[in-house]
Amino acid sequence: MALGVSKKEKIDGLAESAGVSLAASAWKRLRRSPVFLIGATIIGIFVVLSLLSPWLAPQDPSVPMLIDQVVKARNEIPPPQPGHLLGGDLQGRDFFSRLLVGSQQTLIVGVGATIIGLAGGLILGTLAGALGGWVDSVVMRIVDVMLSLPSLLLAFSIAAMFARPSQFTVILAVSIVQIPVFARLLRGSMLAQRHSDHVLAATALGVKKGAIVFRHMLPNSLSPVIVQSTLVLATAIIEAAALSFLGLGNPDDRLPEWGQMLGDVQNVFDTHPHLAAWPAVCIIVVALGFTLMGETLREALDPKNRR
């Protein structure tokens, strides 16, 4: 009797384990991962501060209210004081307010570039993976050429083509660089799906190719692409900051952005290092948060790691 109960419990346990979806199993591992929790916390704080920055900023970031304390002859800037937590910048504007509002502009550029790059990658990857043949060859050769160039150099070249740099040109330049990353990843996933049992069964039943692609192959190929988007966000933020630092970003400094803030103080870094340290630390921490979350998501959603 005891043996029968033990066998029944074992069978029930195996059935329960088999019935757990990959998403549920991944979420269970993510909740126990300190790396994921650290990354998610960083991103959560960053997103909340970005969205609420216009209301959280204690001062108007575009108004030089401390200009009377700026002495360019002696290279003096406003120090920290009541109402101005981090003092002022070279134009007498509240530095803490500019740092907060800059997070919103950084988020807009990073998310915008990732969404456009993801959309372009989905189109090219779907065409290459679904049609194959000469379409696959042409798309992959273009992708290979783009991936052979350093991403920052390619983004710099694209941004330099525009006569009037702006926030949109930065988003466009960074997004174009990300397209081949998504395209190659999606194409590989779709090629793997082409020989899966459910696709072969649908083909044998006479289902149209378009329905097979959009109902069976594409939905089952998106998981690694979505995970990759979190990693690309970190790269997009760094590349956008680099373009702004080089003067290819929005020339209007009334809307601060972390890379732009770095570029504005490169000539006074020796005397006022904190003006560059704060935006640099913010960029590094946010990029680290997206990287930590992306890597743990990739490991958690890998079927080979499922238990």
C-alpha atoms as a PDB file:
ATOM      1  CA  MET A   1       0.000   0.000   0.000  1.00  0.00           C
ATOM      2  CA  ALA A   2       2.789   2.347   0.954  1.00  0.00           C
ATOM      3  CA  LEU A   3       4.592   1.478  -2.260  1.00  0.00           C
ATOM      4  CA  GLY A   4       1.453   2.311  -4.249  1.00  0.00           C
ATOM      5  CA  VAL A   5       1.082   5.692  -2.569  1.00  0.00           C
ATOM      6  CA  SER A   6       4.732   6.472  -3.146  1.00  0.00           C
ATOM      7  CA  LYS A   7       4.442   5.593  -6.820  1.00  0.00           C
ATOM      8  CA  LYS A   8       1.295   7.701  -7.179  1.00  0.00           C
ATOM      9  CA  GLU A   9       2.976  10.708  -5.555  1.00  0.00           C
ATOM     10  CA  LYS A  10       5.942  10.289  -7.853  1.00  0.00           C
ATOM     11  CA  ILE A  11       3.710  10.183 -10.931  1.00  0.00           C
ATOM     12  CA  ASP A  12       1.766  13.243  -9.734  1.00  0.00           C
ATOM     13  CA  GLY A  13       5.012  15.097  -9.133  1.00  0.00           C
ATOM     14  CA  LEU A  14       6.274  14.300 -12.607  1.00  0.00           C
ATOM     15  CA  ALA A  15       2.968  15.365 -14.146  1.00  0.00           C
ATOM     16  CA  GLU A  16       3.007  18.616 -12.234  1.00  0.00           C
ATOM     17  CA  SER A  17       6.581  19.292 -13.319  1.00  0.00           C
ATOM     18  CA  ALA A  18       5.721  18.523 -16.934  1.00  0.00           C
ATOM     19  CA  GLY A  19       2.694  20.791 -16.762  1.00  0.00           C
ATOM     20  CA  VAL A  20       4.673  23.860 -15.742  1.00  0.00           C
ATOM     21  CA  SER A  21       5.125  26.176 -18.695  1.00  0.00           C
ATOM     22  CA  LEU A  22       8.501  27.544 -19.674  1.00  0.00           C
ATOM     23  CA  ALA A  23       7.400  31.056 -18.720  1.00  0.00           C
ATOM     24  CA  ALA A  24       6.278  29.957 -15.254  1.00  0.00           C
ATOM     25  CA  SER A  25       9.486  28.012 -14.731  1.00  0.00           C
ATOM     26  CA  ALA A  26      11.554  31.002 -15.874  1.00  0.00           C
ATOM     27  CA  TRP A  27       9.701  33.391 -13.568  1.00  0.00           C
ATOM     28  CA  LYS A  28      10.285  31.041 -10.650  1.00  0.00           C
ATOM     29  CA  ARG A  29      14.037  31.129 -11.298  1.00  0.00           C
ATOM     30  CA  LEU A  30      14.077  34.889 -11.857  1.00  0.00           C
ATOM     31  CA  ARG A  31      12.434  35.583  -8.499  1.00  0.00           C
ATOM     32  CA  ARG A  32      15.246  33.703  -6.789  1.00  0.00           C
ATOM     33  CA  SER A  33      18.031  35.360  -8.775  1.00  0.00           C
ATOM     34  CA  PRO A  34      19.722  38.250  -6.938  1.00  0.00           C
ATOM     35  CA  VAL A  35      21.291  39.396 -10.213  1.00  0.00           C
ATOM     36  CA  PHE A  36      17.871  39.777 -11.836  1.00  0.00           C
ATOM     37  CA  LEU A  37      16.459  41.543  -8.780  1.00  0.00           C
ATOM     38  CA  ILE A  38      19.345  44.022  -8.749  1.00  0.00           C
ATOM     39  CA  GLY A  39      18.941  44.741 -12.461  1.00  0.00           C
ATOM     40  CA  ALA A  40      15.156  45.050 -12.197  1.00  0.00           C
ATOM     41  CA  THR A  41      15.493  47.411  -9.217  1.00  0.00           C
ATOM     42  CA  ILE A  42      17.917  49.655 -11.084  1.00  0.00           C
ATOM     43  CA  ILE A  43      15.667  49.763 -14.155  1.00  0.00           C
ATOM     44  CA  GLY A  44      12.553  50.327 -12.048  1.00  0.00           C
ATOM     45  CA  ILE A  45      14.106  53.298 -10.257  1.00  0.00           C
ATOM     46  CA  PHE A  46      15.404  54.688 -13.561  1.00  0.00           C
ATOM     47  CA  VAL A  47      12.016  54.439 -15.291  1.00  0.00           C
ATOM     48  CA  VAL A  48      10.101  55.961 -12.360  1.00  0.00           C
ATOM     49  CA  LEU A  49      12.527  58.872 -12.040  1.00  0.00           C
ATOM     50  CA  SER A  50      12.452  59.410 -15.804  1.00  0.00           C
ATOM     51  CA  LEU A  51       8.680  59.545 -16.007  1.00  0.00           C
ATOM     52  CA  LEU A  52       8.300  61.757 -12.943  1.00  0.00           C
ATOM     53  CA  SER A  53      11.382  63.935 -13.490  1.00  0.00           C
ATOM     54  CA  PRO A  54       9.464  67.057 -14.650  1.00  0.00           C
ATOM     55  CA  TRP A  55       7.627  67.045 -11.312  1.00  0.00           C
ATOM     56  CA  LEU A  56      10.500  65.801  -9.145  1.00  0.00           C
ATOM     57  CA  ALA A  57      13.008  68.357 -10.403  1.00  0.00           C
ATOM     58  CA  PRO A  58      13.254  71.059  -7.704  1.00  0.00           C
ATOM     59  CA  GLN A  59      14.173  73.783 -10.230  1.00  0.00           C
ATOM     60  CA  ASP A  60      13.684  74.576 -13.885  1.00  0.00           C
ATOM     61  CA  PRO A  61      16.693  72.920 -15.590  1.00  0.00           C
ATOM     62  CA  SER A  62      16.810  75.545 -18.348  1.00  0.00           C
ATOM     63  CA  VAL A  63      16.842  78.673 -16.152  1.00  0.00           C
ATOM     64  CA  PRO A  64      20.291  80.013 -15.098  1.00  0.00           C
ATOM     65  CA  MET A  65      19.115  81.107 -11.663  1.00  0.00           C
ATOM     66  CA  LEU A  66      22.635  80.847 -10.200  1.00  0.00           C
ATOM     67  CA  ILE A  67      24.364  82.759 -12.974  1.00  0.00           C
ATOM     68  CA  ASP A  68      25.491  85.466 -10.528  1.00  0.00           C
ATOM     69  CA  GLN A  69      27.687  82.865  -8.804  1.00  0.00           C
ATOM     70  CA  VAL A  70      29.471  81.859 -12.018  1.00  0.00           C
ATOM     71  CA  VAL A  71      32.877  83.541 -12.366  1.00  0.00           C
ATOM     72  CA  LYS A  72      34.423  82.424 -15.633  1.00  0.00           C
ATOM     73  CA  ALA A  73      37.640  84.351 -15.030  1.00  0.00           C
ATOM     74  CA  ARG A  74      38.376  82.206 -11.960  1.00  0.00           C
ATOM     75  CA  ASN A  75      36.555  79.133 -13.335  1.00  0.00           C
ATOM     76  CA  GLU A  76      34.116  79.146 -10.419  1.00  0.00           C
ATOM     77  CA  ILE A  77      30.652  77.584 -10.471  1.00  0.00           C
ATOM     78  CA  PRO A  78      27.855  77.554  -7.863  1.00  0.00           C
ATOM     79  CA  PRO A  79      28.611  75.068  -5.059  1.00  0.00           C
ATOM     80  CA  PRO A  80      25.978  72.856  -3.371  1.00  0.00           C
ATOM     81  CA  GLN A  81      23.616  74.995  -1.295  1.00  0.00           C
ATOM     82  CA  PRO A  82      20.076  74.915   0.098  1.00  0.00           C
ATOM     83  CA  GLY A  83      17.630  74.348  -2.753  1.00  0.00           C
ATOM     84  CA  HIS A  84      20.447  73.206  -5.063  1.00  0.00           C
ATOM     85  CA  LEU A  85      21.612  69.780  -3.946  1.00  0.00           C
ATOM     86  CA  LEU A  86      24.503  69.456  -6.409  1.00  0.00           C
ATOM     87  CA  GLY A  87      25.092  73.134  -7.044  1.00  0.00           C
ATOM     88  CA  GLY A  88      25.019  74.631 -10.522  1.00  0.00           C
ATOM     89  CA  ASP A  89      26.645  73.984 -13.882  1.00  0.00           C
ATOM     90  CA  LEU A  90      28.762  76.262 -16.055  1.00  0.00           C
ATOM     91  CA  GLN A  91      25.721  78.377 -16.982  1.00  0.00           C
ATOM     92  CA  GLY A  92      24.381  78.618 -13.436  1.00  0.00           C
ATOM     93  CA  ARG A  93      21.557  76.110 -13.943  1.00  0.00           C
ATOM     94  CA  ASP A  94      20.585  73.687 -11.187  1.00  0.00           C
ATOM     95  CA  PHE A  95      22.704  70.597 -11.824  1.00  0.00           C
ATOM     96  CA  PHE A  96      20.525  68.121  -9.906  1.00  0.00           C
ATOM     97  CA  SER A  97      17.416  69.164 -11.865  1.00  0.00           C
ATOM     98  CA  ARG A  98      19.275  68.763 -15.142  1.00  0.00           C
ATOM     99  CA  LEU A  99      20.439  65.311 -14.076  1.00  0.00           C
ATOM    100  CA  LEU A 100      16.855  64.250 -13.311  1.00  0.00           C
ATOM    101  CA  VAL A 101      15.357  65.635 -16.517  1.00  0.00           C
ATOM    102  CA  GLY A 102      18.277  64.186 -18.468  1.00  0.00           C
ATOM    103  CA  SER A 103      17.176  60.706 -17.413  1.00  0.00           C
ATOM    104  CA  GLN A 104      13.922  61.209 -19.315  1.00  0.00           C
ATOM    105  CA  GLN A 105      15.693  62.223 -22.511  1.00  0.00           C
ATOM    106  CA  THR A 106      18.051  59.260 -22.156  1.00  0.00           C
ATOM    107  CA  LEU A 107      15.093  56.905 -21.725  1.00  0.00           C
ATOM    108  CA  ILE A 108      13.327  58.353 -24.774  1.00  0.00           C
ATOM    109  CA  VAL A 109      16.400  57.909 -26.961  1.00  0.00           C
ATOM    110  CA  GLY A 110      17.155  54.390 -25.703  1.00  0.00           C
ATOM    111  CA  VAL A 111      13.604  53.075 -25.975  1.00  0.00           C
ATOM    112  CA  GLY A 112      12.934  54.839 -29.275  1.00  0.00           C
ATOM    113  CA  ALA A 113      16.092  53.465 -30.903  1.00  0.00           C
ATOM    114  CA  THR A 114      15.380  49.957 -29.617  1.00  0.00           C
ATOM    115  CA  ILE A 115      11.767  49.959 -30.859  1.00  0.00           C
ATOM    116  CA  ILE A 116      12.729  51.170 -34.343  1.00  0.00           C
ATOM    117  CA  GLY A 117      15.654  48.744 -34.513  1.00  0.00           C
ATOM    118  CA  LEU A 118      13.424  45.900 -33.338  1.00  0.00           C
ATOM    119  CA  ALA A 119      10.775  46.723 -35.957  1.00  0.00           C
ATOM    120  CA  GLY A 120      13.341  46.826 -38.757  1.00  0.00           C
ATOM    121  CA  GLY A 121      14.962  43.616 -37.542  1.00  0.00           C
ATOM    122  CA  LEU A 122      11.590  41.851 -37.395  1.00  0.00           C
ATOM    123  CA  ILE A 123      10.856  42.772 -41.006  1.00  0.00           C
ATOM    124  CA  LEU A 124      14.236  41.667 -42.376  1.00  0.00           C
ATOM    125  CA  GLY A 125      14.466  38.591 -40.159  1.00  0.00           C
ATOM    126  CA  THR A 126      10.971  37.448 -41.091  1.00  0.00           C
ATOM    127  CA  LEU A 127      11.655  37.883 -44.801  1.00  0.00           C
ATOM    128  CA  ALA A 128      14.930  35.970 -44.590  1.00  0.00           C
ATOM    129  CA  GLY A 129      13.633  33.199 -42.354  1.00  0.00           C
ATOM    130  CA  ALA A 130      10.298  32.689 -44.068  1.00  0.00           C
ATOM    131  CA  LEU A 131      11.152  33.077 -47.746  1.00  0.00           C
ATOM    132  CA  GLY A 132      14.701  31.717 -47.812  1.00  0.00           C
ATOM    133  CA  GLY A 133      16.450  31.398 -51.167  1.00  0.00           C
ATOM    134  CA  TRP A 134      17.830  34.525 -52.801  1.00  0.00           C
ATOM    135  CA  VAL A 135      15.899  36.779 -50.385  1.00  0.00           C
ATOM    136  CA  ASP A 136      17.684  35.165 -47.445  1.00  0.00           C
ATOM    137  CA  SER A 137      21.046  35.502 -49.193  1.00  0.00           C
ATOM    138  CA  VAL A 138      20.581  39.200 -50.019  1.00  0.00           C
ATOM    139  CA  VAL A 139      19.295  40.124 -46.557  1.00  0.00           C
ATOM    140  CA  MET A 140      22.053  38.213 -44.768  1.00  0.00           C
ATOM    141  CA  ARG A 141      24.808  39.729 -46.912  1.00  0.00           C
ATOM    142  CA  ILE A 142      23.547  43.211 -46.010  1.00  0.00           C
ATOM    143  CA  VAL A 143      23.411  42.171 -42.356  1.00  0.00           C
ATOM    144  CA  ASP A 144      26.941  40.759 -42.529  1.00  0.00           C
ATOM    145  CA  VAL A 145      28.288  44.001 -43.983  1.00  0.00           C
ATOM    146  CA  MET A 146      26.635  46.080 -41.261  1.00  0.00           C
ATOM    147  CA  LEU A 147      27.827  43.755 -38.495  1.00  0.00           C
ATOM    148  CA  SER A 148      31.381  43.851 -39.838  1.00  0.00           C
ATOM    149  CA  LEU A 149      31.619  47.533 -38.930  1.00  0.00           C
ATOM    150  CA  PRO A 150      32.024  48.732 -35.319  1.00  0.00           C
ATOM    151  CA  SER A 151      28.571  49.756 -34.153  1.00  0.00           C
ATOM    152  CA  LEU A 152      29.646  53.101 -32.730  1.00  0.00           C
ATOM    153  CA  LEU A 153      31.565  54.001 -35.890  1.00  0.00           C
ATOM    154  CA  LEU A 154      28.552  53.111 -38.028  1.00  0.00           C
ATOM    155  CA  ALA A 155      26.216  55.140 -35.809  1.00  0.00           C
ATOM    156  CA  PHE A 156      28.645  58.078 -35.938  1.00  0.00           C
ATOM    157  CA  SER A 157      28.768  57.912 -39.748  1.00  0.00           C
ATOM    158  CA  ILE A 158      24.984  57.829 -40.050  1.00  0.00           C
ATOM    159  CA  ALA A 159      24.464  60.697 -37.596  1.00  0.00           C
ATOM    160  CA  ALA A 160      27.106  62.819 -39.356  1.00  0.00           C
ATOM    161  CA  MET A 161      25.132  62.624 -42.611  1.00  0.00           C
ATOM    162  CA  PHE A 162      22.421  64.913 -41.223  1.00  0.00           C
ATOM    163  CA  ALA A 163      22.974  68.648 -41.648  1.00  0.00           C
ATOM    164  CA  ARG A 164      20.951  69.475 -38.535  1.00  0.00           C
ATOM    165  CA  PRO A 165      21.607  67.087 -35.643  1.00  0.00           C
ATOM    166  CA  SER A 166      18.715  66.487 -33.287  1.00  0.00           C
ATOM    167  CA  GLN A 167      17.360  63.942 -30.875  1.00  0.00           C
ATOM    168  CA  PHE A 168      15.591  62.184 -33.743  1.00  0.00           C
ATOM    169  CA  THR A 169      18.801  61.833 -35.768  1.00  0.00           C
ATOM    170  CA  VAL A 170      20.456  60.186 -32.759  1.00  0.00           C
ATOM    171  CA  ILE A 171      17.528  57.772 -32.385  1.00  0.00           C
ATOM    172  CA  LEU A 172      17.617  56.975 -36.102  1.00  0.00           C
ATOM    173  CA  ALA A 173      21.388  56.435 -36.208  1.00  0.00           C
ATOM    174  CA  VAL A 174      21.404  54.136 -33.187  1.00  0.00           C
ATOM    175  CA  SER A 175      18.334  52.199 -34.350  1.00  0.00           C
ATOM    176  CA  ILE A 176      19.824  51.465 -37.789  1.00  0.00           C
ATOM    177  CA  VAL A 177      22.867  49.973 -36.063  1.00  0.00           C
ATOM    178  CA  GLN A 178      20.619  47.638 -34.039  1.00  0.00           C
ATOM    179  CA  ILE A 179      18.584  46.320 -37.001  1.00  0.00           C
ATOM    180  CA  PRO A 180      21.075  43.620 -38.130  1.00  0.00           C
ATOM    181  CA  VAL A 181      21.367  42.270 -34.575  1.00  0.00           C
ATOM    182  CA  PHE A 182      17.635  41.582 -34.373  1.00  0.00           C
ATOM    183  CA  ALA A 183      17.415  40.415 -38.001  1.00  0.00           C
ATOM    184  CA  ARG A 184      20.086  37.731 -37.642  1.00  0.00           C
ATOM    185  CA  LEU A 185      18.703  36.491 -34.332  1.00  0.00           C
ATOM    186  CA  LEU A 186      15.123  36.232 -35.630  1.00  0.00           C
ATOM    187  CA  ARG A 187      16.213  34.596 -38.863  1.00  0.00           C
ATOM    188  CA  GLY A 188      18.094  31.904 -36.943  1.00  0.00           C
ATOM    189  CA  SER A 189      15.121  31.253 -34.671  1.00  0.00           C
ATOM    190  CA  MET A 190      12.752  30.974 -37.627  1.00  0.00           C
ATOM    191  CA  LEU A 191      15.048  28.556 -39.435  1.00  0.00           C
ATOM    192  CA  ALA A 192      15.027  26.373 -36.320  1.00  0.00           C
ATOM    193  CA  GLN A 193      11.215  26.540 -36.219  1.00  0.00           C
ATOM    194  CA  ARG A 194      10.952  25.510 -39.868  1.00  0.00           C
ATOM    195  CA  HIS A 195      11.767  21.891 -38.977  1.00  0.00           C
ATOM    196  CA  SER A 196       9.722  21.711 -35.780  1.00  0.00           C
ATOM    197  CA  ASP A 197       6.908  19.185 -35.461  1.00  0.00           C
ATOM    198  CA  HIS A 198       4.030  21.673 -35.408  1.00  0.00           C
ATOM    199  CA  VAL A 199       5.276  23.452 -38.546  1.00  0.00           C
ATOM    200  CA  LEU A 200       5.757  20.154 -40.400  1.00  0.00           C
ATOM    201  CA  ALA A 201       2.279  19.034 -39.323  1.00  0.00           C
ATOM    202  CA  ALA A 202       0.712  22.292 -40.517  1.00  0.00           C
ATOM    203  CA  THR A 203       2.527  21.960 -43.841  1.00  0.00           C
ATOM    204  CA  ALA A 204       1.318  18.376 -44.241  1.00  0.00           C
ATOM    205  CA  LEU A 205      -2.263  19.483 -43.586  1.00  0.00           C
ATOM    206  CA  GLY A 206      -2.040  22.009 -46.425  1.00  0.00           C
ATOM    207  CA  VAL A 207      -2.019  25.183 -44.321  1.00  0.00           C
ATOM    208  CA  LYS A 208      -0.991  28.210 -46.367  1.00  0.00           C
ATOM    209  CA  LYS A 209       2.579  29.391 -45.992  1.00  0.00           C
ATOM    210  CA  GLY A 210       1.562  32.820 -44.750  1.00  0.00           C
ATOM    211  CA  ALA A 211      -0.502  31.306 -41.962  1.00  0.00           C
ATOM    212  CA  ILE A 212       2.358  28.981 -41.031  1.00  0.00           C
ATOM    213  CA  VAL A 213       4.788  31.894 -40.814  1.00  0.00           C
ATOM    214  CA  PHE A 214       2.624  34.282 -38.814  1.00  0.00           C
ATOM    215  CA  ARG A 215       0.737  31.766 -36.646  1.00  0.00           C
ATOM    216  CA  HIS A 216       3.367  29.144 -35.956  1.00  0.00           C
ATOM    217  CA  MET A 217       6.930  30.193 -36.840  1.00  0.00           C
ATOM    218  CA  LEU A 218       7.030  33.891 -35.911  1.00  0.00           C
ATOM    219  CA  PRO A 219       5.279  33.729 -32.502  1.00  0.00           C
ATOM    220  CA  ASN A 220       7.542  30.877 -31.390  1.00  0.00           C
ATOM    221  CA  SER A 221      10.667  32.730 -32.565  1.00  0.00           C
ATOM    222  CA  LEU A 222      10.124  36.000 -30.699  1.00  0.00           C
ATOM    223  CA  SER A 223      11.298  34.995 -27.205  1.00  0.00           C
ATOM    224  CA  PRO A 224      15.065  35.344 -27.847  1.00  0.00           C
ATOM    225  CA  VAL A 225      14.454  38.576 -29.779  1.00  0.00           C
ATOM    226  CA  ILE A 226      12.515  40.134 -26.907  1.00  0.00           C
ATOM    227  CA  VAL A 227      15.230  39.116 -24.455  1.00  0.00           C
ATOM    228  CA  GLN A 228      17.862  40.593 -26.760  1.00  0.00           C
ATOM    229  CA  SER A 229      15.994  43.908 -26.764  1.00  0.00           C
ATOM    230  CA  THR A 230      16.808  44.420 -23.075  1.00  0.00           C
ATOM    231  CA  LEU A 231      20.506  43.980 -23.841  1.00  0.00           C
ATOM    232  CA  VAL A 232      20.253  46.255 -26.870  1.00  0.00           C
ATOM    233  CA  LEU A 233      18.698  48.946 -24.682  1.00  0.00           C
ATOM    234  CA  ALA A 234      21.928  49.130 -22.691  1.00  0.00           C
ATOM    235  CA  THR A 235      23.970  49.432 -25.887  1.00  0.00           C
ATOM    236  CA  ALA A 236      21.582  52.026 -27.321  1.00  0.00           C
ATOM    237  CA  ILE A 237      21.874  54.238 -24.236  1.00  0.00           C
ATOM    238  CA  ILE A 238      25.684  54.110 -24.347  1.00  0.00           C
ATOM    239  CA  GLU A 239      25.872  54.790 -28.095  1.00  0.00           C
ATOM    240  CA  ALA A 240      23.354  57.633 -27.903  1.00  0.00           C
ATOM    241  CA  ALA A 241      25.341  59.194 -25.057  1.00  0.00           C
ATOM    242  CA  ALA A 242      28.514  58.873 -27.146  1.00  0.00           C
ATOM    243  CA  LEU A 243      26.923  60.635 -30.124  1.00  0.00           C
ATOM    244  CA  SER A 244      25.654  63.442 -27.904  1.00  0.00           C
ATOM    245  CA  PHE A 245      29.091  63.717 -26.298  1.00  0.00           C
ATOM    246  CA  LEU A 246      30.639  64.164 -29.762  1.00  0.00           C
ATOM    247  CA  GLY A 247      28.190  66.951 -30.592  1.00  0.00           C
ATOM    248  CA  LEU A 248      25.910  64.935 -32.876  1.00  0.00           C
ATOM    249  CA  GLY A 249      22.930  65.060 -30.540  1.00  0.00           C
ATOM    250  CA  ASN A 250      20.308  67.663 -29.803  1.00  0.00           C
ATOM    251  CA  PRO A 251      22.045  71.089 -29.891  1.00  0.00           C
ATOM    252  CA  ASP A 252      19.360  72.613 -27.669  1.00  0.00           C
ATOM    253  CA  ASP A 253      20.796  72.266 -24.166  1.00  0.00           C
ATOM    254  CA  ARG A 254      17.536  73.415 -22.601  1.00  0.00           C
ATOM    255  CA  LEU A 255      16.560  69.730 -22.787  1.00  0.00           C
ATOM    256  CA  PRO A 256      19.478  68.055 -21.002  1.00  0.00           C
ATOM    257  CA  GLU A 257      20.674  64.563 -21.862  1.00  0.00           C
ATOM    258  CA  TRP A 258      23.395  62.694 -20.012  1.00  0.00           C
ATOM    259  CA  GLY A 259      25.727  62.354 -22.996  1.00  0.00           C
ATOM    260  CA  GLN A 260      25.244  66.019 -23.829  1.00  0.00           C
ATOM    261  CA  MET A 261      26.031  66.967 -20.226  1.00  0.00           C
ATOM    262  CA  LEU A 262      29.287  65.024 -20.492  1.00  0.00           C
ATOM    263  CA  GLY A 263      30.236  66.833 -23.690  1.00  0.00           C
ATOM    264  CA  ASP A 264      29.503  70.263 -22.236  1.00  0.00           C
ATOM    265  CA  VAL A 265      32.048  69.900 -19.416  1.00  0.00           C
ATOM    266  CA  GLN A 266      34.928  68.131 -21.151  1.00  0.00           C
ATOM    267  CA  ASN A 267      37.017  71.332 -21.075  1.00  0.00           C
ATOM    268  CA  VAL A 268      36.625  71.801 -17.321  1.00  0.00           C
ATOM    269  CA  PHE A 269      36.918  68.204 -16.190  1.00  0.00           C
ATOM    270  CA  ASP A 270      40.182  68.902 -14.348  1.00  0.00           C
ATOM    271  CA  THR A 271      38.660  71.604 -12.170  1.00  0.00           C
ATOM    272  CA  HIS A 272      35.065  70.367 -11.872  1.00  0.00           C
ATOM    273  CA  PRO A 273      35.157  66.569 -12.258  1.00  0.00           C
ATOM    274  CA  HIS A 274      31.793  66.092 -10.543  1.00  0.00           C
ATOM    275  CA  LEU A 275      30.019  67.704 -13.522  1.00  0.00           C
ATOM    276  CA  ALA A 276      31.139  64.741 -15.636  1.00  0.00           C
ATOM    277  CA  ALA A 277      31.179  62.089 -12.913  1.00  0.00           C
ATOM    278  CA  TRP A 278      27.465  62.228 -12.103  1.00  0.00           C
ATOM    279  CA  PRO A 279      26.090  61.745 -15.657  1.00  0.00           C
ATOM    280  CA  ALA A 280      28.802  59.155 -16.377  1.00  0.00           C
ATOM    281  CA  VAL A 281      27.861  57.133 -13.296  1.00  0.00           C
ATOM    282  CA  CYS A 282      24.179  57.347 -14.240  1.00  0.00           C
ATOM    283  CA  ILE A 283      24.885  56.017 -17.743  1.00  0.00           C
ATOM    284  CA  ILE A 284      27.008  53.159 -16.398  1.00  0.00           C
ATOM    285  CA  VAL A 285      24.518  52.132 -13.713  1.00  0.00           C
ATOM    286  CA  VAL A 286      21.508  52.179 -16.054  1.00  0.00           C
ATOM    287  CA  ALA A 287      23.369  50.228 -18.741  1.00  0.00           C
ATOM    288  CA  LEU A 288      24.446  47.737 -16.085  1.00  0.00           C
ATOM    289  CA  GLY A 289      20.839  47.316 -14.939  1.00  0.00           C
ATOM    290  CA  PHE A 290      19.596  46.469 -18.427  1.00  0.00           C
ATOM    291  CA  THR A 291      22.536  44.115 -18.981  1.00  0.00           C
ATOM    292  CA  LEU A 292      21.981  42.218 -15.728  1.00  0.00           C
ATOM    293  CA  MET A 293      18.284  41.796 -16.416  1.00  0.00           C
ATOM    294  CA  GLY A 294      18.839  40.790 -20.032  1.00  0.00           C
ATOM    295  CA  GLU A 295      21.440  38.142 -19.211  1.00  0.00           C
ATOM    296  CA  THR A 296      19.322  36.566 -16.479  1.00  0.00           C
ATOM    297  CA  LEU A 297      16.266  36.594 -18.765  1.00  0.00           C
ATOM    298  CA  ARG A 298      18.270  34.826 -21.455  1.00  0.00           C
ATOM    299  CA  GLU A 299      19.399  32.126 -19.044  1.00  0.00           C
ATOM    300  CA  ALA A 300      15.949  31.703 -17.495  1.00  0.00           C
ATOM    301  CA  LEU A 301      14.177  31.313 -20.855  1.00  0.00           C
ATOM    302  CA  ASP A 302      16.717  28.830 -22.196  1.00  0.00           C
ATOM    303  CA  PRO A 303      14.954  25.416 -22.290  1.00  0.00           C
ATOM    304  CA  LYS A 304      18.300  23.714 -21.603  1.00  0.00           C
ATOM    305  CA  ASN A 305      18.375  25.290 -18.134  1.00  0.00           C
ATOM    306  CA  ARG A 306      14.856  24.204 -17.261  1.00  0.00           C
ATOM    307  CA  ARG A 307      14.456  21.912 -14.244  1.00  0.00           C
END
